[in-house]
């Protein structure tokens, strides 16, 4: 029964329960002064994220209607939009609809969920097909076969790709009792190696131990809060990247840890440390964090050559945005509700929702929200950069806002 509870919960959340074993590094460890920035909140500006900004109105046809609360991924030439059960591709320059990629279902080419992981090595999109398969599609929407995932001790939920190996991260609640954090496997579906967890396994719970389960939204992340009859609780983070690439290197950041690591074959090399000072969240506080106003949990991270964007939870529901300037080595933070002031075009506050390998930040705005904002701020409508917004209607697909790297 305990294993059934863990598996069921693991299917709906991404759990940050462990980190890999850190190794020494000849590179200088970058320190981000979160504690200092918390003492002096500052206005964050869009020009800190990019040199310019573009507005891409997504084409609206019966074949590509986008519902509420879509997610986006920025590729080299395409915008991936996940809406409902659909994965749609649009041209990143023009917004023209290109194709629908695959489908949810049970047939041999189907996947379980429409949210893909992009493989920058082979240029394909990989979709999870439960329980142990990744379905492959190209950016023209063609099926390109499948890849088996080793399922011992469990199946990872996050993936990153190298020239020779796939890296998977055990980040679901069902994996929280596992001794492993990262899995290395090959195209043949063979397990090559694992990196052990740093944190001790969480104590297993049974279905009858649960008092309540709540799904919360906090910044870019989702939180699954489980409260148990004995007064204990556990918090599980989902919807944000735990594995990503920066400068050709694979990065890894586990929840409840203040360090970003570079993933190497012989272990994890510390790369960036968030200096949280008095706000540091200790290992013993993981289960009670959601009730704490005096601790910070570094959550969503987007990394470019110029800067590092990050979010921090302060209890619930407060979230902070932060930006670290790599050149100036400065850290600035503010309330996430404020967003980044658009000092480039004067449009509505920018809220980073994704980051491309090319260093572009992106957000997606509902057409109605954009229209309402322009109506309330008519003084900016003459800005030529906002021309893509002038022909919007209530039935239009959303607009994607993309920064131009410095």
Protein backbone atom coordinates (compact mmCIF):
# COMPACT_ATOMS: atom_id res chain seq x y z
CA UNK A 1 0.00 0.00 0.00
CA UNK A 2 2.84 2.40 0.79
CA UNK A 3 4.43 1.85 -2.60
CA UNK A 4 1.06 2.44 -4.30
CA UNK A 5 0.70 5.82 -2.55
CA UNK A 6 4.21 6.87 -3.52
CA UNK A 7 3.73 5.85 -7.15
CA UNK A 8 0.37 7.60 -7.45
CA UNK A 9 1.67 10.84 -5.97
CA UNK A 10 4.80 10.67 -8.08
CA UNK A 11 2.77 10.71 -11.27
CA UNK A 12 1.38 14.17 -10.52
CA UNK A 13 4.38 16.01 -9.09
CA UNK A 14 8.09 16.58 -9.43
CA UNK A 15 9.73 15.97 -6.06
CA UNK A 16 13.01 17.55 -5.11
CA UNK A 17 14.25 15.13 -2.48
CA UNK A 18 17.92 14.61 -3.22
CA UNK A 19 21.10 15.92 -4.83
CA UNK A 20 24.14 14.25 -6.28
CA UNK A 21 27.49 13.96 -4.59
CA UNK A 22 29.48 17.15 -5.23
CA UNK A 23 33.03 16.92 -6.51
CA UNK A 24 35.89 19.41 -6.42
CA UNK A 25 36.33 21.87 -9.30
CA UNK A 26 39.13 24.00 -10.67
CA UNK A 27 36.60 26.63 -11.77
CA UNK A 28 35.69 29.50 -9.48
CA UNK A 29 32.40 28.93 -7.68
CA UNK A 30 29.97 31.76 -8.45
CA UNK A 31 28.14 33.11 -5.39
CA UNK A 32 24.77 34.86 -5.69
CA UNK A 33 24.08 37.12 -2.70
CA UNK A 34 20.43 36.37 -2.03
CA UNK A 35 20.55 37.40 1.64
CA UNK A 36 21.99 40.82 0.76
CA UNK A 37 19.53 41.43 -2.05
CA UNK A 38 16.61 40.57 0.23
CA UNK A 39 17.60 43.48 2.47
CA UNK A 40 17.36 46.01 -0.38
CA UNK A 41 14.48 45.20 -2.76
CA UNK A 42 14.92 46.97 -6.10
CA UNK A 43 12.88 47.55 -9.26
CA UNK A 44 13.79 44.94 -11.88
CA UNK A 45 13.90 46.11 -15.50
CA UNK A 46 13.47 44.24 -18.76
CA UNK A 47 16.74 45.69 -20.05
CA UNK A 48 18.49 43.56 -17.43
CA UNK A 49 17.32 40.46 -19.28
CA UNK A 50 17.97 41.56 -22.87
CA UNK A 51 19.04 44.34 -25.21
CA UNK A 52 15.67 44.45 -26.99
CA UNK A 53 12.29 42.70 -27.09
CA UNK A 54 10.07 41.24 -29.83
CA UNK A 55 6.31 40.59 -29.91
CA UNK A 56 5.11 37.57 -31.87
CA UNK A 57 1.35 37.28 -32.38
CA UNK A 58 0.59 33.58 -32.87
CA UNK A 59 -1.52 32.77 -35.93
CA UNK A 60 -5.13 31.94 -35.18
CA UNK A 61 -6.86 29.20 -37.20
CA UNK A 62 -9.23 26.36 -36.39
CA UNK A 63 -6.25 23.99 -36.50
CA UNK A 64 -4.24 25.73 -33.80
CA UNK A 65 -6.56 27.25 -31.23
CA UNK A 66 -4.80 27.72 -27.89
CA UNK A 67 -6.67 27.39 -24.61
CA UNK A 68 -6.08 29.02 -21.25
CA UNK A 69 -2.80 28.78 -19.35
CA UNK A 70 -0.54 27.40 -22.11
CA UNK A 71 3.16 26.70 -21.64
CA UNK A 72 5.88 27.63 -24.13
CA UNK A 73 9.37 26.51 -25.09
CA UNK A 74 11.63 28.56 -27.35
CA UNK A 75 13.65 26.56 -29.89
CA UNK A 76 16.10 27.91 -32.47
CA UNK A 77 13.43 28.65 -35.10
CA UNK A 78 10.17 27.53 -33.50
CA UNK A 79 7.92 28.24 -30.54
CA UNK A 80 6.52 25.12 -28.88
CA UNK A 81 3.10 25.74 -27.29
CA UNK A 82 1.56 23.12 -24.99
CA UNK A 83 -2.17 23.67 -24.58
CA UNK A 84 -4.52 21.08 -23.14
CA UNK A 85 -3.65 17.80 -24.89
CA UNK A 86 -1.99 19.51 -27.86
CA UNK A 87 1.64 20.30 -28.69
CA UNK A 88 1.73 23.00 -31.38
CA UNK A 89 4.66 24.53 -33.26
CA UNK A 90 4.76 28.13 -34.53
CA UNK A 91 7.42 30.04 -36.45
CA UNK A 92 9.47 32.08 -33.97
CA UNK A 93 9.85 35.06 -36.32
CA UNK A 94 6.38 35.37 -37.83
CA UNK A 95 4.09 33.45 -35.48
CA UNK A 96 2.77 31.37 -38.38
CA UNK A 97 1.35 28.00 -37.36
CA UNK A 98 3.57 25.16 -38.55
CA UNK A 99 2.25 21.84 -37.28
CA UNK A 100 0.77 19.82 -34.48
CA UNK A 101 3.24 17.33 -33.01
CA UNK A 102 1.97 13.87 -32.11
CA UNK A 103 -1.02 13.12 -29.88
CA UNK A 104 -2.09 11.74 -26.53
CA UNK A 105 -3.41 8.20 -26.71
CA UNK A 106 -2.71 4.48 -26.52
CA UNK A 107 -1.66 3.68 -30.12
CA UNK A 108 2.00 2.91 -30.90
CA UNK A 109 2.94 6.52 -31.78
CA UNK A 110 1.04 8.21 -28.94
CA UNK A 111 2.42 9.78 -25.78
CA UNK A 112 1.01 10.21 -22.28
CA UNK A 113 1.40 13.99 -22.00
CA UNK A 114 2.03 16.71 -24.62
CA UNK A 115 4.92 18.43 -22.80
CA UNK A 116 8.16 17.58 -24.67
CA UNK A 117 11.83 17.75 -23.76
CA UNK A 118 13.96 19.17 -26.56
CA UNK A 119 17.14 17.31 -27.53
CA UNK A 120 19.53 19.92 -28.94
CA UNK A 121 21.91 17.14 -30.07
CA UNK A 122 19.58 15.48 -32.59
CA UNK A 123 16.98 18.27 -32.88
CA UNK A 124 14.07 16.05 -31.82
CA UNK A 125 11.26 16.44 -29.30
CA UNK A 126 10.91 13.66 -26.72
CA UNK A 127 7.55 12.91 -25.06
CA UNK A 128 6.92 10.67 -22.06
CA UNK A 129 4.94 7.50 -22.71
CA UNK A 130 4.24 5.82 -19.38
CA UNK A 131 5.60 3.74 -17.94
CA UNK A 132 9.03 3.37 -19.59
CA UNK A 133 9.18 4.97 -23.05
CA UNK A 134 10.17 8.25 -24.66
CA UNK A 135 8.44 8.93 -27.99
CA UNK A 136 10.47 10.93 -30.53
CA UNK A 137 9.15 13.48 -33.03
CA UNK A 138 10.93 15.94 -35.32
CA UNK A 139 9.97 19.62 -35.60
CA UNK A 140 8.01 18.88 -38.80
CA UNK A 141 5.67 16.70 -36.73
CA UNK A 142 6.96 13.35 -38.02
CA UNK A 143 7.23 10.34 -35.70
CA UNK A 144 10.86 9.24 -35.34
CA UNK A 145 10.62 6.16 -33.14
CA UNK A 146 10.93 5.48 -29.44
CA UNK A 147 13.50 5.12 -26.70
CA UNK A 148 13.31 2.74 -23.74
CA UNK A 149 14.00 4.09 -20.26
CA UNK A 150 15.59 1.83 -17.63
CA UNK A 151 13.05 1.44 -14.81
CA UNK A 152 15.23 0.50 -11.88
CA UNK A 153 14.83 1.81 -9.20
CA UNK A 154 12.18 3.95 -10.91
CA UNK A 155 11.62 6.00 -14.08
CA UNK A 156 13.00 9.56 -14.14
CA UNK A 157 10.70 12.47 -14.89
CA UNK A 158 13.28 15.02 -16.17
CA UNK A 159 15.76 14.49 -18.96
CA UNK A 160 18.76 16.16 -20.58
CA UNK A 161 20.77 14.94 -23.57
CA UNK A 162 24.48 14.71 -24.39
CA UNK A 163 26.32 13.36 -27.43
CA UNK A 164 26.48 9.84 -26.02
CA UNK A 165 24.15 9.55 -23.03
CA UNK A 166 20.74 10.62 -21.73
CA UNK A 167 20.60 11.95 -18.16
CA UNK A 168 17.44 11.43 -16.14
CA UNK A 169 16.55 12.98 -12.79
CA UNK A 170 14.58 11.06 -10.17
CA UNK A 171 12.34 13.90 -9.02
CA UNK A 172 8.95 12.38 -8.24
CA UNK A 173 7.63 11.58 -4.78
CA UNK A 174 7.72 7.93 -5.79
CA UNK A 175 11.49 8.26 -6.11
CA UNK A 176 12.02 10.01 -2.78
CA UNK A 177 13.02 6.76 -1.10
CA UNK A 178 15.58 6.01 -3.83
CA UNK A 179 19.31 6.11 -3.12
CA UNK A 180 19.93 7.58 -6.59
CA UNK A 181 19.42 11.11 -7.85
CA UNK A 182 20.57 10.99 -11.49
CA UNK A 183 20.50 8.17 -14.03
CA UNK A 184 22.79 7.85 -17.07
CA UNK A 185 21.52 5.62 -19.88
CA UNK A 186 22.11 5.14 -23.61
CA UNK A 187 20.01 4.97 -26.78
CA UNK A 188 19.69 1.22 -26.33
CA UNK A 189 17.84 1.81 -23.06
CA UNK A 190 20.70 0.41 -20.98
CA UNK A 191 21.55 1.87 -17.59
CA UNK A 192 25.16 3.06 -17.63
CA UNK A 193 25.52 4.66 -14.20
CA UNK A 194 23.81 6.61 -11.42
CA UNK A 195 24.78 9.46 -9.12
CA UNK A 196 23.73 8.90 -5.51
CA UNK A 197 21.44 11.18 -3.54
CA UNK A 198 22.90 13.53 -0.95
CA UNK A 199 19.74 13.93 1.14
CA UNK A 200 18.46 10.96 3.11
CA UNK A 201 15.36 9.23 1.74
CA UNK A 202 12.01 10.58 2.87
CA UNK A 203 9.95 8.41 5.19
CA UNK A 204 7.41 6.42 3.24
CA UNK A 205 3.71 7.08 3.85
CA UNK A 206 0.61 5.03 3.20
CA UNK A 207 -2.69 6.21 1.74
CA UNK A 208 -4.39 5.89 5.11
CA UNK A 209 -1.80 8.29 6.61
CA UNK A 210 -2.98 11.23 4.46
CA UNK A 211 -5.10 13.98 5.99
CA UNK A 212 -5.19 16.27 2.93
CA UNK A 213 -3.48 17.06 -0.38
CA UNK A 214 -3.37 20.55 -1.90
CA UNK A 215 -2.01 21.72 -5.25
CA UNK A 216 -0.69 25.28 -5.01
CA UNK A 217 0.73 27.73 -7.56
CA UNK A 218 3.76 29.77 -6.55
CA UNK A 219 5.64 31.81 -9.16
CA UNK A 220 6.52 29.56 -12.10
CA UNK A 221 6.33 26.43 -9.97
CA UNK A 222 3.53 24.28 -8.70
CA UNK A 223 3.58 22.81 -5.22
CA UNK A 224 1.94 19.64 -4.01
CA UNK A 225 1.43 19.89 -0.24
CA UNK A 226 0.62 16.69 1.58
CA UNK A 227 -0.45 16.83 5.22
CA UNK A 228 -0.56 13.67 7.29
CA UNK A 229 -2.64 12.62 10.26
CA UNK A 230 0.36 12.58 12.59
CA UNK A 231 0.88 16.33 12.00
CA UNK A 232 3.74 15.94 9.53
CA UNK A 233 3.70 17.43 6.04
CA UNK A 234 5.70 17.20 2.83
CA UNK A 235 6.09 19.67 -0.03
CA UNK A 236 6.84 18.57 -3.59
CA UNK A 237 7.88 20.97 -6.37
CA UNK A 238 6.74 20.61 -9.99
CA UNK A 239 6.64 22.49 -13.26
CA UNK A 240 10.16 23.97 -13.24
CA UNK A 241 13.44 22.76 -14.76
CA UNK A 242 15.81 20.70 -12.64
CA UNK A 243 18.13 19.81 -15.54
CA UNK A 244 19.17 22.27 -18.27
CA UNK A 245 22.10 23.23 -20.48
CA UNK A 246 24.29 26.33 -20.21
CA UNK A 247 27.31 26.92 -22.42
CA UNK A 248 27.14 23.31 -23.59
CA UNK A 249 27.29 22.00 -20.01
CA UNK A 250 24.50 20.14 -18.22
CA UNK A 251 23.34 21.90 -15.05
CA UNK A 252 21.43 20.39 -12.16
CA UNK A 253 19.59 22.11 -9.32
CA UNK A 254 17.63 20.06 -6.82
CA UNK A 255 14.98 21.61 -4.62
CA UNK A 256 15.94 22.17 -0.98
CA UNK A 257 19.54 22.74 -2.05
CA UNK A 258 21.16 26.15 -2.60
CA UNK A 259 23.70 24.99 -5.20
CA UNK A 260 23.65 24.55 -8.98
CA UNK A 261 25.95 21.75 -10.15
CA UNK A 262 27.58 20.93 -13.47
CA UNK A 263 26.87 17.28 -14.25
CA UNK A 264 29.97 15.29 -15.16
CA UNK A 265 30.46 11.56 -15.59
CA UNK A 266 32.29 11.24 -12.28
CA UNK A 267 29.87 13.32 -10.23
CA UNK A 268 28.54 16.82 -9.66
CA UNK A 269 30.78 19.88 -9.69
CA UNK A 270 29.46 22.95 -7.79
CA UNK A 271 29.00 25.85 -10.20
CA UNK A 272 26.72 28.46 -8.62
CA UNK A 273 25.82 28.86 -4.94
CA UNK A 274 22.89 30.90 -3.66
CA UNK A 275 24.07 32.55 -0.46
CA UNK A 276 20.82 32.66 1.53
CA UNK A 277 22.38 33.49 4.90
CA UNK A 278 19.80 33.72 7.68
CA UNK A 279 17.16 32.56 5.17
CA UNK A 280 18.85 29.18 4.68
CA UNK A 281 16.48 26.22 4.66
CA UNK A 282 17.97 23.30 6.56
CA UNK A 283 17.43 19.68 5.58
CA UNK A 284 15.33 19.08 8.69
CA UNK A 285 12.93 21.87 7.68
CA UNK A 286 11.92 20.47 4.30
CA UNK A 287 8.63 19.08 5.49
CA UNK A 288 7.48 22.27 7.22
CA UNK A 289 8.78 24.89 4.77
CA UNK A 290 5.38 25.90 3.46
CA UNK A 291 4.48 27.36 6.87
CA UNK A 292 7.72 29.33 7.29
CA UNK A 293 8.05 33.05 6.57
CA UNK A 294 11.68 33.06 7.70
CA UNK A 295 13.16 30.68 5.14
CA UNK A 296 13.79 30.86 1.39
CA UNK A 297 13.60 28.03 -1.11
CA UNK A 298 15.32 28.76 -4.43
CA UNK A 299 13.02 27.33 -7.07
CA UNK A 300 12.88 28.24 -10.77
CA UNK A 301 16.19 29.06 -12.47
CA UNK A 302 16.97 30.24 -16.02
CA UNK A 303 20.64 30.66 -16.92
CA UNK A 304 22.20 32.61 -19.82
CA UNK A 305 25.71 33.81 -20.66
CA UNK A 306 24.83 37.26 -19.28
CA UNK A 307 22.72 36.55 -16.23
CA UNK A 308 20.91 34.11 -13.97
CA UNK A 309 17.19 34.59 -13.34
CA UNK A 310 15.81 32.87 -10.26
CA UNK A 311 12.77 32.73 -8.01
CA UNK A 312 12.63 32.15 -4.26
CA UNK A 313 9.69 30.99 -2.18
CA UNK A 314 9.20 32.71 1.17
CA UNK A 315 6.73 30.45 2.87
CA UNK A 316 3.42 30.52 1.02
CA UNK A 317 2.30 32.33 -1.10
CA UNK A 318 5.07 34.94 -1.38
CA UNK A 319 7.61 34.59 -4.19
CA UNK A 320 10.59 36.78 -5.10
CA UNK A 321 12.20 37.32 -8.50
CA UNK A 322 15.96 37.72 -8.65
CA UNK A 323 18.52 38.56 -11.33
CA UNK A 324 22.26 38.02 -11.09
CA UNK A 325 24.44 40.00 -13.52
CA UNK A 326 27.46 37.85 -14.38
CA UNK A 327 29.61 40.77 -15.56
CA UNK A 328 28.85 43.18 -12.70
CA UNK A 329 28.52 40.31 -10.17
CA UNK A 330 25.50 41.99 -8.63
CA UNK A 331 22.22 40.53 -7.39
CA UNK A 332 18.87 42.35 -7.41
CA UNK A 333 15.53 41.07 -6.13
CA UNK A 334 11.91 42.14 -5.87
CA UNK A 335 8.42 40.78 -5.26
CA UNK A 336 7.42 38.41 -8.07
CA UNK A 337 4.06 40.19 -8.37
CA UNK A 338 5.87 43.28 -9.67
CA UNK A 339 7.47 41.47 -12.60
CA UNK A 340 10.15 43.22 -14.69
CA UNK A 341 9.28 46.79 -15.67
CA UNK A 342 9.33 47.04 -19.48
CA UNK A 343 11.74 49.93 -19.93
CA UNK A 344 12.32 48.92 -23.58
CA UNK A 345 8.84 49.41 -25.08
CA UNK A 346 6.63 50.48 -22.17
CA UNK A 347 4.42 47.37 -22.40
CA UNK A 348 3.00 45.42 -19.45
CA UNK A 349 5.40 43.91 -16.84
CA UNK A 350 7.49 41.04 -18.17
CA UNK A 351 7.29 37.71 -16.34
CA UNK A 352 9.86 35.16 -17.54
CA UNK A 353 8.25 31.78 -18.19
CA UNK A 354 10.98 30.11 -20.25
CA UNK A 355 14.52 30.60 -21.51
CA UNK A 356 16.07 29.33 -24.75
CA UNK A 357 19.51 27.87 -25.37
CA UNK A 358 20.20 31.09 -27.29
CA UNK A 359 19.67 33.18 -24.13
CA UNK A 360 16.19 34.49 -24.98
CA UNK A 361 13.63 34.90 -22.21
CA UNK A 362 9.98 34.45 -23.12
CA UNK A 363 6.47 34.86 -21.78
CA UNK A 364 3.05 34.28 -23.30
CA UNK A 365 0.21 36.79 -22.92
CA UNK A 366 -3.49 36.15 -23.53
CA UNK A 367 -4.85 38.35 -26.33
CA UNK A 368 -7.57 39.75 -24.06
CA UNK A 369 -5.04 40.73 -21.39
CA UNK A 370 -2.88 42.51 -23.97
CA UNK A 371 -5.88 44.35 -25.39
CA UNK A 372 -7.03 45.46 -21.93
CA UNK A 373 -3.58 46.76 -21.07
CA UNK A 374 -3.28 48.72 -24.31
CA UNK A 375 -6.72 50.24 -23.76
CA UNK A 376 -5.66 51.38 -20.29
CA UNK A 377 -2.30 52.70 -21.56
CA UNK A 378 -3.06 54.32 -24.95
CA UNK A 379 0.12 56.41 -24.83
CA UNK A 380 2.26 53.39 -25.84
CA UNK A 381 0.17 52.24 -28.80
CA UNK A 382 2.22 54.29 -31.27
CA UNK A 383 5.39 52.35 -30.49
CA UNK A 384 6.23 50.52 -33.73
CA UNK A 385 7.53 47.50 -31.80
CA UNK A 386 3.99 46.89 -30.56
CA UNK A 387 2.54 46.76 -34.08
CA UNK A 388 1.92 43.01 -33.78
CA UNK A 389 -0.64 43.73 -31.03
CA UNK A 390 -2.82 46.17 -32.95
CA UNK A 391 -4.85 43.56 -34.84
CA UNK A 392 -5.70 41.39 -31.85
CA UNK A 393 -9.30 40.39 -31.14
CA UNK A 394 -10.87 38.58 -28.21
CA UNK A 395 -10.68 35.35 -30.25
CA UNK A 396 -7.00 35.69 -31.17
CA UNK A 397 -4.33 33.29 -30.03
CA UNK A 398 -1.88 34.66 -27.44
CA UNK A 399 1.16 36.83 -28.04
CA UNK A 400 4.66 35.58 -27.22
CA UNK A 401 7.09 38.19 -25.88
CA UNK A 402 10.76 37.35 -26.50
CA UNK A 403 13.85 39.21 -25.33
CA UNK A 404 16.84 39.74 -27.62
CA UNK A 405 20.11 38.69 -25.92
CA UNK A 406 22.65 41.44 -25.20
